[in-house]
């Protein structure tokens, strides 16, 4: 992976993570760095899942792929913030 690819992955991960946090109700007690990491992983898994289903390459914006990515990130952020809340109590 090139430097450009890494930078794009970080930016996309941050955007996906931020969108996932907006989708979730309430406050999530996780750091921005963890949000970006979860977003990057969700973007990669969402792209793989979209390719598996056969909707990864469409004309224009790949809305289904984006929904997969944001949904996976939202689930991961909810799980991670839920586990973090249980540890602190």
PDB file of N, CA and C in Angstrom:
ATOM      1  N   UNK A   1       0.845  -1.171   0.000  1.00  0.00           N
ATOM      2  CA  UNK A   1       0.000   0.000   0.000  1.00  0.00           C
ATOM      3  C   UNK A   1       0.895   1.241   0.000  1.00  0.00           C
ATOM      4  N   UNK A   2       0.537   2.201  -0.819  1.00  0.00           N
ATOM      5  CA  UNK A   2       1.338   3.418  -0.941  1.00  0.00           C
ATOM      6  C   UNK A   2       0.966   4.411   0.165  1.00  0.00           C
ATOM      7  N   UNK A   3       1.759   5.452   0.277  1.00  0.00           N
ATOM      8  CA  UNK A   3       1.472   6.505   1.253  1.00  0.00           C
ATOM      9  C   UNK A   3       0.116   7.143   0.957  1.00  0.00           C
ATOM     10  N   UNK A   4      -0.173   7.347  -0.306  1.00  0.00           N
ATOM     11  CA  UNK A   4      -1.464   7.926  -0.689  1.00  0.00           C
ATOM     12  C   UNK A   4      -2.610   7.017  -0.259  1.00  0.00           C
ATOM     13  N   UNK A   5      -2.444   5.718  -0.446  1.00  0.00           N
ATOM     14  CA  UNK A   5      -3.467   4.760  -0.028  1.00  0.00           C
ATOM     15  C   UNK A   5      -3.683   4.772   1.470  1.00  0.00           C
ATOM     16  N   UNK A   6      -2.616   4.897   2.232  1.00  0.00           N
ATOM     17  CA  UNK A   6      -2.724   4.940   3.697  1.00  0.00           C
ATOM     18  C   UNK A   6      -3.448   6.210   4.129  1.00  0.00           C
ATOM     19  N   UNK A   7      -3.091   7.335   3.517  1.00  0.00           N
ATOM     20  CA  UNK A   7      -3.740   8.600   3.871  1.00  0.00           C
ATOM     21  C   UNK A   7      -5.224   8.564   3.523  1.00  0.00           C
ATOM     22  N   UNK A   8      -5.551   8.023   2.363  1.00  0.00           N
ATOM     23  CA  UNK A   8      -6.954   7.906   1.961  1.00  0.00           C
ATOM     24  C   UNK A   8      -7.700   6.981   2.912  1.00  0.00           C
ATOM     25  N   UNK A   9      -7.087   5.872   3.332  1.00  0.00           N
ATOM     26  CA  UNK A   9      -7.728   4.951   4.269  1.00  0.00           C
ATOM     27  C   UNK A   9      -8.004   5.630   5.605  1.00  0.00           C
ATOM     28  N   UNK A  10      -7.078   6.450   6.071  1.00  0.00           N
ATOM     29  CA  UNK A  10      -7.278   7.166   7.339  1.00  0.00           C
ATOM     30  C   UNK A  10      -8.424   8.170   7.209  1.00  0.00           C
ATOM     31  N   UNK A  11      -8.451   8.903   6.098  1.00  0.00           N
ATOM     32  CA  UNK A  11      -9.517   9.889   5.892  1.00  0.00           C
ATOM     33  C   UNK A  11     -10.873   9.213   5.768  1.00  0.00           C
ATOM     34  N   UNK A  12     -10.937   8.161   4.961  1.00  0.00           N
ATOM     35  CA  UNK A  12     -12.202   7.427   4.801  1.00  0.00           C
ATOM     36  C   UNK A  12     -12.618   6.805   6.130  1.00  0.00           C
ATOM     37  N   UNK A  13     -11.664   6.250   6.876  1.00  0.00           N
ATOM     38  CA  UNK A  13     -11.972   5.672   8.183  1.00  0.00           C
ATOM     39  C   UNK A  13     -12.513   6.697   9.152  1.00  0.00           C
ATOM     40  N   UNK A  14     -11.940   7.895   9.134  1.00  0.00           N
ATOM     41  CA  UNK A  14     -12.430   8.956  10.016  1.00  0.00           C
ATOM     42  C   UNK A  14     -13.852   9.361   9.642  1.00  0.00           C
ATOM     43  N   UNK A  15     -14.114   9.468   8.358  1.00  0.00           N
ATOM     44  CA  UNK A  15     -15.452   9.855   7.908  1.00  0.00           C
ATOM     45  C   UNK A  15     -16.467   8.755   8.232  1.00  0.00           C
ATOM     46  N   UNK A  16     -16.109   7.514   7.955  1.00  0.00           N
ATOM     47  CA  UNK A  16     -17.007   6.390   8.246  1.00  0.00           C
ATOM     48  C   UNK A  16     -17.267   6.296   9.749  1.00  0.00           C
ATOM     49  N   UNK A  17     -16.219   6.429  10.554  1.00  0.00           N
ATOM     50  CA  UNK A  17     -16.379   6.391  12.012  1.00  0.00           C
ATOM     51  C   UNK A  17     -17.247   7.527  12.517  1.00  0.00           C
ATOM     52  N   UNK A  18     -17.039   8.742  11.979  1.00  0.00           N
ATOM     53  CA  UNK A  18     -17.852   9.886  12.396  1.00  0.00           C
ATOM     54  C   UNK A  18     -19.312   9.697  12.005  1.00  0.00           C
ATOM     55  N   UNK A  19     -19.562   9.210  10.800  1.00  0.00           N
ATOM     56  CA  UNK A  19     -20.941   8.953  10.377  1.00  0.00           C
ATOM     57  C   UNK A  19     -21.591   7.884  11.248  1.00  0.00           C
ATOM     58  N   UNK A  20     -20.826   6.870  11.618  1.00  0.00           N
ATOM     59  CA  UNK A  20     -21.366   5.815  12.478  1.00  0.00           C
ATOM     60  C   UNK A  20     -21.724   6.366  13.854  1.00  0.00           C
ATOM     61  N   UNK A  21     -20.886   7.277  14.379  1.00  0.00           N
ATOM     62  CA  UNK A  21     -21.196   7.879  15.678  1.00  0.00           C
ATOM     63  C   UNK A  21     -22.430   8.760  15.597  1.00  0.00           C
ATOM     64  N   UNK A  22     -22.652   9.398  14.439  1.00  0.00           N
ATOM     65  CA  UNK A  22     -23.850  10.211  14.269  1.00  0.00           C
ATOM     66  C   UNK A  22     -25.112   9.354  14.212  1.00  0.00           C
ATOM     67  N   UNK A  23     -24.986   8.156  13.674  1.00  0.00           N
ATOM     68  CA  UNK A  23     -26.131   7.257  13.553  1.00  0.00           C
ATOM     69  C   UNK A  23     -26.552   6.729  14.923  1.00  0.00           C
ATOM     70  N   UNK A  24     -25.583   6.523  15.797  1.00  0.00           N
ATOM     71  CA  UNK A  24     -25.869   5.950  17.111  1.00  0.00           C
ATOM     72  C   UNK A  24     -26.474   7.004  18.044  1.00  0.00           C
ATOM     73  N   UNK A  25     -27.508   6.631  18.802  1.00  0.00           N
ATOM     74  CA  UNK A  25     -28.068   7.581  19.763  1.00  0.00           C
ATOM     75  C   UNK A  25     -27.200   7.658  21.019  1.00  0.00           C
ATOM     76  N   UNK A  26     -27.241   8.779  21.688  1.00  0.00           N
ATOM     77  CA  UNK A  26     -26.526   8.928  22.952  1.00  0.00           C
ATOM     78  C   UNK A  26     -25.054   9.239  22.763  1.00  0.00           C
ATOM     79  N   UNK A  27     -24.345   9.195  23.880  1.00  0.00           N
ATOM     80  CA  UNK A  27     -22.923   9.537  23.895  1.00  0.00           C
ATOM     81  C   UNK A  27     -22.102   8.254  23.906  1.00  0.00           C
ATOM     82  N   UNK A  28     -21.067   8.215  23.073  1.00  0.00           N
ATOM     83  CA  UNK A  28     -20.152   7.079  23.053  1.00  0.00           C
ATOM     84  C   UNK A  28     -18.848   7.516  23.700  1.00  0.00           C
ATOM     85  N   UNK A  29     -18.430   6.790  24.696  1.00  0.00           N
ATOM     86  CA  UNK A  29     -17.218   7.134  25.435  1.00  0.00           C
ATOM     87  C   UNK A  29     -16.006   6.425  24.849  1.00  0.00           C
ATOM     88  N   UNK A  30     -15.666   6.766  23.611  1.00  0.00           N
ATOM     89  CA  UNK A  30     -14.460   6.227  22.999  1.00  0.00           C
ATOM     90  C   UNK A  30     -13.693   7.383  22.364  1.00  0.00           C
ATOM     91  N   UNK A  31     -12.420   7.184  22.195  1.00  0.00           N
ATOM     92  CA  UNK A  31     -11.569   8.248  21.677  1.00  0.00           C
ATOM     93  C   UNK A  31     -11.736   8.419  20.162  1.00  0.00           C
ATOM     94  N   UNK A  32     -11.259   9.558  19.697  1.00  0.00           N
ATOM     95  CA  UNK A  32     -11.278   9.831  18.257  1.00  0.00           C
ATOM     96  C   UNK A  32     -10.394   8.826  17.530  1.00  0.00           C
ATOM     97  N   UNK A  33      -9.246   8.496  18.107  1.00  0.00           N
ATOM     98  CA  UNK A  33      -8.341   7.528  17.481  1.00  0.00           C
ATOM     99  C   UNK A  33      -9.020   6.172  17.319  1.00  0.00           C
ATOM    100  N   UNK A  34      -9.733   5.729  18.348  1.00  0.00           N
ATOM    101  CA  UNK A  34     -10.427   4.441  18.259  1.00  0.00           C
ATOM    102  C   UNK A  34     -11.563   4.513  17.235  1.00  0.00           C
ATOM    103  N   UNK A  35     -12.214   5.668  17.138  1.00  0.00           N
ATOM    104  CA  UNK A  35     -13.260   5.852  16.129  1.00  0.00           C
ATOM    105  C   UNK A  35     -12.684   5.713  14.730  1.00  0.00           C
ATOM    106  N   UNK A  36     -11.513   6.316  14.494  1.00  0.00           N
ATOM    107  CA  UNK A  36     -10.865   6.225  13.184  1.00  0.00           C
ATOM    108  C   UNK A  36     -10.448   4.788  12.896  1.00  0.00           C
ATOM    109  N   UNK A  37      -9.875   4.111  13.877  1.00  0.00           N
ATOM    110  CA  UNK A  37      -9.446   2.715  13.688  1.00  0.00           C
ATOM    111  C   UNK A  37     -10.651   1.834  13.368  1.00  0.00           C
ATOM    112  N   UNK A  38     -11.728   1.997  14.121  1.00  0.00           N
ATOM    113  CA  UNK A  38     -12.940   1.219  13.857  1.00  0.00           C
ATOM    114  C   UNK A  38     -13.486   1.554  12.473  1.00  0.00           C
ATOM    115  N   UNK A  39     -13.439   2.825  12.091  1.00  0.00           N
ATOM    116  CA  UNK A  39     -13.909   3.242  10.768  1.00  0.00           C
ATOM    117  C   UNK A  39     -13.099   2.627   9.645  1.00  0.00           C
ATOM    118  N   UNK A  40     -11.775   2.578   9.818  1.00  0.00           N
ATOM    119  CA  UNK A  40     -10.906   1.972   8.795  1.00  0.00           C
ATOM    120  C   UNK A  40     -11.222   0.490   8.643  1.00  0.00           C
ATOM    121  N   UNK A  41     -11.318  -0.211   9.770  1.00  0.00           N
ATOM    122  CA  UNK A  41     -11.613  -1.650   9.718  1.00  0.00           C
ATOM    123  C   UNK A  41     -12.997  -1.889   9.115  1.00  0.00           C
ATOM    124  N   UNK A  42     -13.978  -1.073   9.510  1.00  0.00           N
ATOM    125  CA  UNK A  42     -15.332  -1.225   8.968  1.00  0.00           C
ATOM    126  C   UNK A  42     -15.368  -0.923   7.475  1.00  0.00           C
ATOM    127  N   UNK A  43     -14.580   0.063   7.031  1.00  0.00           N
ATOM    128  CA  UNK A  43     -14.532   0.373   5.600  1.00  0.00           C
ATOM    129  C   UNK A  43     -13.962  -0.789   4.810  1.00  0.00           C
ATOM    130  N   UNK A  44     -12.913  -1.401   5.331  1.00  0.00           N
ATOM    131  CA  UNK A  44     -12.316  -2.549   4.639  1.00  0.00           C
ATOM    132  C   UNK A  44     -13.263  -3.743   4.612  1.00  0.00           C
ATOM    133  N   UNK A  45     -13.879  -4.049   5.744  1.00  0.00           N
ATOM    134  CA  UNK A  45     -14.804  -5.186   5.804  1.00  0.00           C
ATOM    135  C   UNK A  45     -16.058  -4.905   4.982  1.00  0.00           C
ATOM    136  N   UNK A  46     -16.548  -3.656   5.024  1.00  0.00           N
ATOM    137  CA  UNK A  46     -17.725  -3.290   4.229  1.00  0.00           C
ATOM    138  C   UNK A  46     -17.474  -3.408   2.738  1.00  0.00           C
ATOM    139  N   UNK A  47     -16.281  -3.016   2.300  1.00  0.00           N
ATOM    140  CA  UNK A  47     -15.917  -3.156   0.888  1.00  0.00           C
ATOM    141  C   UNK A  47     -15.847  -4.624   0.505  1.00  0.00           C
ATOM    142  N   UNK A  48     -15.240  -5.441   1.348  1.00  0.00           N
ATOM    143  CA  UNK A  48     -15.158  -6.881   1.087  1.00  0.00           C
ATOM    144  C   UNK A  48     -16.556  -7.490   1.017  1.00  0.00           C
ATOM    145  N   UNK A  49     -17.424  -7.097   1.955  1.00  0.00           N
ATOM    146  CA  UNK A  49     -18.785  -7.627   1.979  1.00  0.00           C
ATOM    147  C   UNK A  49     -19.564  -7.201   0.733  1.00  0.00           C
ATOM    148  N   UNK A  50     -19.380  -5.956   0.298  1.00  0.00           N
ATOM    149  CA  UNK A  50     -20.048  -5.479  -0.913  1.00  0.00           C
ATOM    150  C   UNK A  50     -19.556  -6.239  -2.143  1.00  0.00           C
ATOM    151  N   UNK A  51     -18.259  -6.548  -2.192  1.00  0.00           N
ATOM    152  CA  UNK A  51     -17.724  -7.344  -3.301  1.00  0.00           C
ATOM    153  C   UNK A  51     -18.281  -8.756  -3.269  1.00  0.00           C
ATOM    154  N   UNK A  52     -18.440  -9.292  -2.068  1.00  0.00           N
ATOM    155  CA  UNK A  52     -18.976 -10.638  -1.911  1.00  0.00           C
ATOM    156  C   UNK A  52     -20.421 -10.712  -2.403  1.00  0.00           C
ATOM    157  N   UNK A  53     -21.198  -9.680  -2.121  1.00  0.00           N
ATOM    158  CA  UNK A  53     -22.594  -9.629  -2.534  1.00  0.00           C
ATOM    159  C   UNK A  53     -22.721  -9.256  -4.017  1.00  0.00           C
ATOM    160  N   UNK A  54     -21.702  -8.553  -4.528  1.00  0.00           N
ATOM    161  CA  UNK A  54     -21.703  -8.193  -5.935  1.00  0.00           C
ATOM    162  C   UNK A  54     -22.162  -6.775  -6.216  1.00  0.00           C
ATOM    163  N   UNK A  55     -22.084  -5.893  -5.221  1.00  0.00           N
ATOM    164  CA  UNK A  55     -22.536  -4.514  -5.410  1.00  0.00           C
ATOM    165  C   UNK A  55     -21.417  -3.501  -5.180  1.00  0.00           C
ATOM    166  N   UNK A  56     -20.181  -3.934  -5.224  1.00  0.00           N
ATOM    167  CA  UNK A  56     -19.055  -3.045  -4.919  1.00  0.00           C
ATOM    168  C   UNK A  56     -18.776  -2.057  -6.035  1.00  0.00           C
ATOM    169  N   UNK A  57     -18.991  -2.452  -7.269  1.00  0.00           N
ATOM    170  CA  UNK A  57     -18.704  -1.553  -8.387  1.00  0.00           C
ATOM    171  C   UNK A  57     -19.988  -1.254  -9.141  1.00  0.00           C
ATOM    172  N   UNK A  58     -20.470  -0.055  -8.933  1.00  0.00           N
ATOM    173  CA  UNK A  58     -21.663   0.412  -9.631  1.00  0.00           C
ATOM    174  C   UNK A  58     -21.351   1.769 -10.253  1.00  0.00           C
ATOM    175  N   UNK A  59     -22.219   2.236 -11.119  1.00  0.00           N
ATOM    176  CA  UNK A  59     -22.040   3.559 -11.695  1.00  0.00           C
ATOM    177  C   UNK A  59     -22.365   4.612 -10.638  1.00  0.00           C
ATOM    178  N   UNK A  60     -21.519   5.596 -10.496  1.00  0.00           N
ATOM    179  CA  UNK A  60     -21.756   6.661  -9.525  1.00  0.00           C
ATOM    180  C   UNK A  60     -21.276   6.255  -8.139  1.00  0.00           C
ATOM    181  N   UNK A  61     -21.989   6.740  -7.142  1.00  0.00           N
ATOM    182  CA  UNK A  61     -21.623   6.469  -5.743  1.00  0.00           C
ATOM    183  C   UNK A  61     -22.138   5.090  -5.356  1.00  0.00           C
ATOM    184  N   UNK A  62     -21.310   4.337  -4.690  1.00  0.00           N
ATOM    185  CA  UNK A  62     -21.687   2.994  -4.242  1.00  0.00           C
ATOM    186  C   UNK A  62     -22.430   3.098  -2.905  1.00  0.00           C
ATOM    187  N   UNK A  63     -23.718   3.396  -2.990  1.00  0.00           N
ATOM    188  CA  UNK A  63     -24.506   3.633  -1.780  1.00  0.00           C
ATOM    189  C   UNK A  63     -24.632   2.390  -0.918  1.00  0.00           C
ATOM    190  N   UNK A  64     -24.808   1.240  -1.526  1.00  0.00           N
ATOM    191  CA  UNK A  64     -24.961   0.003  -0.750  1.00  0.00           C
ATOM    192  C   UNK A  64     -23.679  -0.307  -0.002  1.00  0.00           C
ATOM    193  N   UNK A  65     -22.542  -0.119  -0.657  1.00  0.00           N
ATOM    194  CA  UNK A  65     -21.252  -0.331   0.002  1.00  0.00           C
ATOM    195  C   UNK A  65     -21.086   0.639   1.170  1.00  0.00           C
ATOM    196  N   UNK A  66     -21.492   1.869   0.983  1.00  0.00           N
ATOM    197  CA  UNK A  66     -21.398   2.872   2.038  1.00  0.00           C
ATOM    198  C   UNK A  66     -22.287   2.517   3.223  1.00  0.00           C
ATOM    199  N   UNK A  67     -23.476   2.000   2.944  1.00  0.00           N
ATOM    200  CA  UNK A  67     -24.375   1.568   4.024  1.00  0.00           C
ATOM    201  C   UNK A  67     -23.758   0.404   4.793  1.00  0.00           C
ATOM    202  N   UNK A  68     -23.147  -0.542   4.090  1.00  0.00           N
ATOM    203  CA  UNK A  68     -22.453  -1.643   4.759  1.00  0.00           C
ATOM    204  C   UNK A  68     -21.355  -1.107   5.683  1.00  0.00           C
ATOM    205  N   UNK A  69     -20.563  -0.183   5.173  1.00  0.00           N
ATOM    206  CA  UNK A  69     -19.442   0.347   5.942  1.00  0.00           C
ATOM    207  C   UNK A  69     -19.919   1.096   7.188  1.00  0.00           C
ATOM    208  N   UNK A  70     -20.897   1.967   7.027  1.00  0.00           N
ATOM    209  CA  UNK A  70     -21.396   2.740   8.164  1.00  0.00           C
ATOM    210  C   UNK A  70     -22.100   1.829   9.164  1.00  0.00           C
ATOM    211  N   UNK A  71     -22.861   0.872   8.670  1.00  0.00           N
ATOM    212  CA  UNK A  71     -23.536  -0.068   9.566  1.00  0.00           C
ATOM    213  C   UNK A  71     -22.559  -0.889  10.388  1.00  0.00           C
ATOM    214  N   UNK A  72     -21.535  -1.403   9.734  1.00  0.00           N
ATOM    215  CA  UNK A  72     -20.519  -2.173  10.465  1.00  0.00           C
ATOM    216  C   UNK A  72     -19.790  -1.310  11.477  1.00  0.00           C
ATOM    217  N   UNK A  73     -19.467  -0.071  11.102  1.00  0.00           N
ATOM    218  CA  UNK A  73     -18.793   0.836  12.035  1.00  0.00           C
ATOM    219  C   UNK A  73     -19.696   1.168  13.216  1.00  0.00           C
ATOM    220  N   UNK A  74     -20.982   1.395  12.968  1.00  0.00           N
ATOM    221  CA  UNK A  74     -21.916   1.697  14.053  1.00  0.00           C
ATOM    222  C   UNK A  74     -22.031   0.525  15.024  1.00  0.00           C
ATOM    223  N   UNK A  75     -22.104  -0.682  14.489  1.00  0.00           N
ATOM    224  CA  UNK A  75     -22.172  -1.868  15.340  1.00  0.00           C
ATOM    225  C   UNK A  75     -20.901  -1.996  16.168  1.00  0.00           C
ATOM    226  N   UNK A  76     -19.751  -1.812  15.525  1.00  0.00           N
ATOM    227  CA  UNK A  76     -18.474  -1.940  16.239  1.00  0.00           C
ATOM    228  C   UNK A  76     -18.314  -0.861  17.298  1.00  0.00           C
ATOM    229  N   UNK A  77     -18.706   0.372  17.003  1.00  0.00           N
ATOM    230  CA  UNK A  77     -18.607   1.451  17.988  1.00  0.00           C
ATOM    231  C   UNK A  77     -19.554   1.195  19.147  1.00  0.00           C
ATOM    232  N   UNK A  78     -20.763   0.732  18.860  1.00  0.00           N
ATOM    233  CA  UNK A  78     -21.711   0.420  19.929  1.00  0.00           C
ATOM    234  C   UNK A  78     -21.182  -0.693  20.824  1.00  0.00           C
ATOM    235  N   UNK A  79     -20.625  -1.723  20.212  1.00  0.00           N
ATOM    236  CA  UNK A  79     -20.068  -2.817  21.005  1.00  0.00           C
ATOM    237  C   UNK A  79     -18.867  -2.357  21.818  1.00  0.00           C
ATOM    238  N   UNK A  80     -17.986  -1.605  21.188  1.00  0.00           N
ATOM    239  CA  UNK A  80     -16.781  -1.158  21.879  1.00  0.00           C
ATOM    240  C   UNK A  80     -17.121  -0.210  23.020  1.00  0.00           C
ATOM    241  N   UNK A  81     -18.032   0.729  22.803  1.00  0.00           N
ATOM    242  CA  UNK A  81     -18.396   1.669  23.874  1.00  0.00           C
ATOM    243  C   UNK A  81     -19.178   0.947  24.972  1.00  0.00           C
ATOM    244  N   UNK A  82     -19.924  -0.079  24.612  1.00  0.00           N
ATOM    245  CA  UNK A  82     -20.636  -0.869  25.621  1.00  0.00           C
ATOM    246  C   UNK A  82     -19.685  -1.661  26.490  1.00  0.00           C
ATOM    247  N   UNK A  83     -18.663  -2.254  25.892  1.00  0.00           N
ATOM    248  CA  UNK A  83     -17.675  -2.994  26.675  1.00  0.00           C
ATOM    249  C   UNK A  83     -16.856  -2.063  27.536  1.00  0.00           C
ATOM    250  N   UNK A  84     -16.557  -0.878  27.031  1.00  0.00           N
ATOM    251  CA  UNK A  84     -15.798   0.097  27.794  1.00  0.00           C
ATOM    252  C   UNK A  84     -16.576   0.583  29.015  1.00  0.00           C
ATOM    253  N   UNK A  85     -17.889   0.751  28.867  1.00  0.00           N
ATOM    254  CA  UNK A  85     -18.713   1.209  29.987  1.00  0.00           C
ATOM    255  C   UNK A  85     -18.791   0.141  31.066  1.00  0.00           C
ATOM    256  N   UNK A  86     -18.827  -1.111  30.681  1.00  0.00           N
ATOM    257  CA  UNK A  86     -18.892  -2.185  31.664  1.00  0.00           C
ATOM    258  C   UNK A  86     -17.596  -2.326  32.440  1.00  0.00           C
ATOM    259  N   UNK A  87     -16.459  -2.071  31.782  1.00  0.00           N
ATOM    260  CA  UNK A  87     -15.167  -2.193  32.461  1.00  0.00           C
ATOM    261  C   UNK A  87     -14.983  -1.126  33.520  1.00  0.00           C
ATOM    262  N   UNK A  88     -15.497   0.087  33.258  1.00  0.00           N
ATOM    263  CA  UNK A  88     -15.285   1.196  34.170  1.00  0.00           C
ATOM    264  C   UNK A  88     -16.149   1.112  35.421  1.00  0.00           C
ATOM    265  N   UNK A  89     -17.264   0.389  35.338  1.00  0.00           N
ATOM    266  CA  UNK A  89     -18.180   0.325  36.468  1.00  0.00           C
ATOM    267  C   UNK A  89     -17.655  -0.597  37.528  1.00  0.00           C
TER     268      UNK A  89
END
